C-alpha atoms as a PDB file:
ATOM      1  CA  MET A   1      -0.004   0.009   0.003  1.00  0.00           C
ATOM      2  CA  LYS A   2       2.816   2.430   0.797  1.00  0.00           C
ATOM      3  CA  GLN A   3       4.519   1.707  -2.506  1.00  0.00           C
ATOM      4  CA  GLU A   4       1.344   2.575  -4.420  1.00  0.00           C
ATOM      5  CA  ASN A   5       0.935   5.870  -2.510  1.00  0.00           C
ATOM      6  CA  ILE A   6       4.529   6.907  -3.230  1.00  0.00           C
ATOM      7  CA  ILE A   7       4.060   6.146  -6.945  1.00  0.00           C
ATOM      8  CA  LYS A   8       0.820   8.196  -6.997  1.00  0.00           C
ATOM      9  CA  ILE A   9       2.521  11.127  -5.232  1.00  0.00           C
ATOM     10  CA  LYS A  10       5.503  11.058  -7.618  1.00  0.00           C
ATOM     11  CA  SER A  11       3.113  10.908 -10.585  1.00  0.00           C
ATOM     12  CA  ALA A  12       1.159  13.902  -9.235  1.00  0.00           C
ATOM     13  CA  TRP A  13       4.376  15.934  -8.707  1.00  0.00           C
ATOM     14  CA  LYS A  14       5.540  15.160 -12.245  1.00  0.00           C
ATOM     15  CA  LYS A  15       2.204  16.283 -13.586  1.00  0.00           C
ATOM     16  CA  ILE A  16       2.361  19.538 -11.547  1.00  0.00           C
ATOM     17  CA  ARG A  17       5.979  20.110 -12.668  1.00  0.00           C
ATOM     18  CA  ASN A  18       5.127  19.585 -16.367  1.00  0.00           C
ATOM     19  CA  ILE A  19       2.088  21.888 -16.191  1.00  0.00           C
ATOM     20  CA  SER A  20       4.127  24.547 -14.360  1.00  0.00           C
ATOM     21  CA  LEU A  21       6.905  24.373 -16.993  1.00  0.00           C
ATOM     22  CA  LEU A  22       4.336  24.603 -19.771  1.00  0.00           C
ATOM     23  CA  ILE A  23       2.709  27.677 -18.182  1.00  0.00           C
ATOM     24  CA  LEU A  24       6.115  29.290 -17.558  1.00  0.00           C
ATOM     25  CA  THR A  25       7.224  28.664 -21.152  1.00  0.00           C
ATOM     26  CA  LEU A  26       3.964  30.075 -22.573  1.00  0.00           C
ATOM     27  CA  GLY A  27       4.256  33.085 -20.292  1.00  0.00           C
ATOM     28  CA  LEU A  28       7.807  33.808 -21.451  1.00  0.00           C
ATOM     29  CA  LEU A  29       6.753  33.432 -25.097  1.00  0.00           C
ATOM     30  CA  VAL A  30       3.861  35.877 -24.626  1.00  0.00           C
ATOM     31  CA  TYR A  31       6.148  38.320 -22.788  1.00  0.00           C
ATOM     32  CA  ALA A  32       8.796  38.173 -25.534  1.00  0.00           C
ATOM     33  CA  GLY A  33       6.155  38.493 -28.247  1.00  0.00           C
ATOM     34  CA  VAL A  34       4.657  41.618 -26.687  1.00  0.00           C
ATOM     35  CA  ARG A  35       7.995  43.166 -25.809  1.00  0.00           C
ATOM     36  CA  TYR A  36       9.689  42.714 -29.165  1.00  0.00           C
ATOM     37  CA  TYR A  37       6.939  42.317 -31.769  1.00  0.00           C
ATOM     38  CA  TYR A  38       3.835  44.159 -30.562  1.00  0.00           C
ATOM     39  CA  PRO A  39       3.777  47.848 -31.613  1.00  0.00           C
ATOM     40  CA  TYR A  40       2.221  49.840 -28.775  1.00  0.00           C
ATOM     41  CA  GLY A  41       2.401  53.169 -30.561  1.00  0.00           C
ATOM     42  CA  GLU A  42       1.940  54.369 -34.152  1.00  0.00           C
ATOM     43  CA  GLY A  43       2.023  57.769 -35.670  1.00  0.00           C
ATOM     44  CA  VAL A  44       3.416  60.248 -38.182  1.00  0.00           C
ATOM     45  CA  LYS A  45       6.415  62.461 -37.587  1.00  0.00           C
ATOM     46  CA  SER A  46       7.400  65.293 -39.891  1.00  0.00           C
ATOM     47  CA  GLY A  47      10.509  67.365 -40.185  1.00  0.00           C
ATOM     48  CA  GLN A  48      13.695  67.858 -42.137  1.00  0.00           C
ATOM     49  CA  LEU A  49      15.489  64.622 -42.919  1.00  0.00           C
ATOM     50  CA  ASN A  50      19.035  64.873 -41.601  1.00  0.00           C
ATOM     51  CA  TYR A  51      20.399  61.496 -42.702  1.00  0.00           C
ATOM     52  CA  VAL A  52      19.763  57.825 -43.341  1.00  0.00           C
ATOM     53  CA  VAL A  53      22.728  55.420 -43.076  1.00  0.00           C
ATOM     54  CA  TYR A  54      23.339  51.686 -43.413  1.00  0.00           C
ATOM     55  CA  LYS A  55      25.433  50.553 -40.485  1.00  0.00           C
ATOM     56  CA  GLY A  56      26.167  47.772 -38.049  1.00  0.00           C
ATOM     57  CA  ILE A  57      28.734  45.101 -37.265  1.00  0.00           C
ATOM     58  CA  LEU A  58      26.815  41.831 -37.179  1.00  0.00           C
ATOM     59  CA  PHE A  59      23.422  43.074 -38.272  1.00  0.00           C
ATOM     60  CA  LYS A  60      23.455  45.858 -40.888  1.00  0.00           C
ATOM     61  CA  THR A  61      20.431  48.111 -40.440  1.00  0.00           C
ATOM     62  CA  TYR A  62      19.188  51.409 -41.825  1.00  0.00           C
ATOM     63  CA  GLU A  63      19.214  54.221 -39.251  1.00  0.00           C
ATOM     64  CA  GLY A  64      18.070  57.785 -39.693  1.00  0.00           C
ATOM     65  CA  LYS A  65      17.475  61.099 -38.011  1.00  0.00           C
ATOM     66  CA  LEU A  66      14.713  63.613 -38.549  1.00  0.00           C
ATOM     67  CA  ILE A  67      14.992  67.194 -37.260  1.00  0.00           C
ATOM     68  CA  GLN A  68      11.653  68.526 -36.015  1.00  0.00           C
ATOM     69  CA  SER A  69      11.475  72.273 -35.619  1.00  0.00           C
ATOM     70  CA  GLY A  70       9.900  73.714 -32.535  1.00  0.00           C
ATOM     71  CA  VAL A  71       8.884  77.070 -31.178  1.00  0.00           C
ATOM     72  CA  ARG A  72       9.556  76.757 -27.455  1.00  0.00           C
ATOM     73  CA  SER A  73      12.799  76.382 -25.651  1.00  0.00           C
ATOM     74  CA  ASN A  74      13.980  76.113 -22.077  1.00  0.00           C
ATOM     75  CA  ILE A  75      16.021  79.275 -22.730  1.00  0.00           C
ATOM     76  CA  SER A  76      13.897  82.375 -23.233  1.00  0.00           C
ATOM     77  CA  GLY A  77      14.089  83.674 -26.805  1.00  0.00           C
ATOM     78  CA  GLY A  78      15.464  80.409 -28.103  1.00  0.00           C
ATOM     79  CA  ILE A  79      14.026  78.000 -30.641  1.00  0.00           C
ATOM     80  CA  GLN A  80      13.967  74.324 -29.797  1.00  0.00           C
ATOM     81  CA  SER A  81      14.505  71.558 -32.319  1.00  0.00           C
ATOM     82  CA  ASN A  82      13.781  67.922 -31.549  1.00  0.00           C
ATOM     83  CA  GLU A  83      15.588  65.018 -33.116  1.00  0.00           C
ATOM     84  CA  PHE A  84      13.663  61.870 -34.013  1.00  0.00           C
ATOM     85  CA  GLU A  85      15.953  58.916 -34.465  1.00  0.00           C
ATOM     86  CA  PHE A  86      14.464  55.921 -36.230  1.00  0.00           C
ATOM     87  CA  SER A  87      15.239  52.604 -37.948  1.00  0.00           C
ATOM     88  CA  VAL A  88      13.977  51.409 -41.316  1.00  0.00           C
ATOM     89  CA  GLU A  89      13.339  47.716 -42.070  1.00  0.00           C
ATOM     90  CA  ASP A  90      12.349  48.017 -45.737  1.00  0.00           C
ATOM     91  CA  GLU A  91      15.343  48.541 -48.045  1.00  0.00           C
ATOM     92  CA  GLU A  92      13.274  50.331 -50.703  1.00  0.00           C
ATOM     93  CA  ILE A  93      11.979  52.923 -48.201  1.00  0.00           C
ATOM     94  CA  ALA A  94      15.520  53.403 -46.833  1.00  0.00           C
ATOM     95  CA  LYS A  95      16.973  53.996 -50.295  1.00  0.00           C
ATOM     96  CA  GLU A  96      14.237  56.516 -51.130  1.00  0.00           C
ATOM     97  CA  LEU A  97      14.999  58.347 -47.873  1.00  0.00           C
ATOM     98  CA  MET A  98      18.728  58.275 -48.601  1.00  0.00           C
ATOM     99  CA  HIS A  99      18.060  60.314 -51.740  1.00  0.00           C
ATOM    100  CA  SER A 100      15.855  62.761 -49.810  1.00  0.00           C
ATOM    101  CA  GLY A 101      18.385  64.214 -47.369  1.00  0.00           C
ATOM    102  CA  GLY A 102      17.557  67.798 -46.384  1.00  0.00           C
ATOM    103  CA  LYS A 103      13.978  67.606 -47.626  1.00  0.00           C
ATOM    104  CA  THR A 104      10.867  67.876 -45.491  1.00  0.00           C
ATOM    105  CA  VAL A 105       9.394  64.427 -44.986  1.00  0.00           C
ATOM    106  CA  GLU A 106       6.454  62.881 -43.159  1.00  0.00           C
ATOM    107  CA  LEU A 107       7.159  59.348 -41.938  1.00  0.00           C
ATOM    108  CA  TYR A 108       4.707  56.777 -40.614  1.00  0.00           C
ATOM    109  CA  TYR A 109       6.298  54.806 -37.779  1.00  0.00           C
ATOM    110  CA  LYS A 110       5.590  52.108 -35.191  1.00  0.00           C
ATOM    111  CA  GLU A 111       6.979  52.218 -31.673  1.00  0.00           C
ATOM    112  CA  TYR A 112       7.990  48.993 -29.935  1.00  0.00           C
ATOM    113  CA  PHE A 113       8.799  48.332 -26.251  1.00  0.00           C
ATOM    114  CA  ALA A 114      12.335  47.086 -27.067  1.00  0.00           C
ATOM    115  CA  THR A 115      14.732  46.763 -29.967  1.00  0.00           C
ATOM    116  CA  LEU A 116      15.917  43.714 -31.871  1.00  0.00           C
ATOM    117  CA  PRO A 117      19.439  43.696 -33.357  1.00  0.00           C
ATOM    118  CA  TRP A 118      18.215  42.771 -36.850  1.00  0.00           C
ATOM    119  CA  ARG A 119      15.408  45.373 -36.789  1.00  0.00           C
ATOM    120  CA  GLY A 120      17.591  48.378 -35.820  1.00  0.00           C
ATOM    121  CA  PHE A 121      18.977  50.414 -32.977  1.00  0.00           C
ATOM    122  CA  SER A 122      15.829  52.414 -32.364  1.00  0.00           C
ATOM    123  CA  ARG A 123      12.450  51.497 -30.855  1.00  0.00           C
ATOM    124  CA  TYR A 124      10.878  53.605 -33.598  1.00  0.00           C
ATOM    125  CA  VAL A 125      10.623  51.747 -36.952  1.00  0.00           C
ATOM    126  CA  VAL A 126       9.515  53.627 -40.042  1.00  0.00           C
ATOM    127  CA  ASP A 127       6.950  51.666 -42.037  1.00  0.00           C
ATOM    128  CA  SER A 128       6.183  54.042 -44.885  1.00  0.00           C
ATOM    129  CA  ILE A 129       6.697  57.498 -46.279  1.00  0.00           C
ATOM    130  CA  VAL A 130       3.635  59.747 -46.169  1.00  0.00           C
ATOM    131  CA  SER A 131       5.139  62.613 -48.165  1.00  0.00           C
ATOM    132  CA  ILE A 132       8.411  64.123 -49.307  1.00  0.00           C
ATOM    133  CA  SER A 133       8.564  67.812 -50.220  1.00  0.00           C
ATOM    134  CA  PRO A 134      11.446  70.168 -50.868  1.00  0.00           C
ATOM    135  CA  THR A 135      12.437  72.369 -47.970  1.00  0.00           C
ATOM    136  CA  PRO A 136      11.028  75.848 -48.430  1.00  0.00           C
ATOM    137  CA  ASN A 137      13.660  78.392 -49.424  1.00  0.00           C
ATOM    138  CA  HIS A 138      14.272  80.893 -46.692  1.00  0.00           C
ATOM    139  CA  GLU A 139      15.645  84.309 -47.466  1.00  0.00           C
ATOM    140  CA  THR A 140      19.284  84.149 -46.585  1.00  0.00           C
ATOM    141  CA  GLU A 141      21.899  86.821 -46.579  1.00  0.00           C
ATOM    142  CA  THR A 142      24.837  86.374 -48.881  1.00  0.00           C
ATOM    143  CA  PHE A 143      28.156  87.285 -47.411  1.00  0.00           C
ATOM    144  CA  ILE A 144      31.032  88.175 -49.695  1.00  0.00           C
ATOM    145  CA  TYR A 145      34.417  87.837 -48.186  1.00  0.00           C
ATOM    146  CA  GLN A 146      37.135  90.069 -49.577  1.00  0.00           C
END
């Protein structure tokens, strides 16, 4: 009788252990899926495209920077500009942006909780280009040095 009870207890503990491991594994998979693949924010940013480069050691990715102009600053009388750093997964979009440096662009992006090395350095990943327009010409003074 004791032998049968011990076998039943061991069998019950194995069942509990297997179910616990299954729940733990599923929990980790859901956590990783949400953290790395679920976009929790989407939107459009506009500004002057500063650069788009192809860089990396193990994983080559397209990285870019957009300069957003602002009107307020922490210093009185100053103008603030914000930089929006982003990654691009699609090579065609990246190449089009590479040829649009200095132009005013509107980019549609998705924001993730964390980065993946093969997706880029930034949590912000540009999905598409909304518009590209030339930067308006501002009246500038011409200085002649003699």
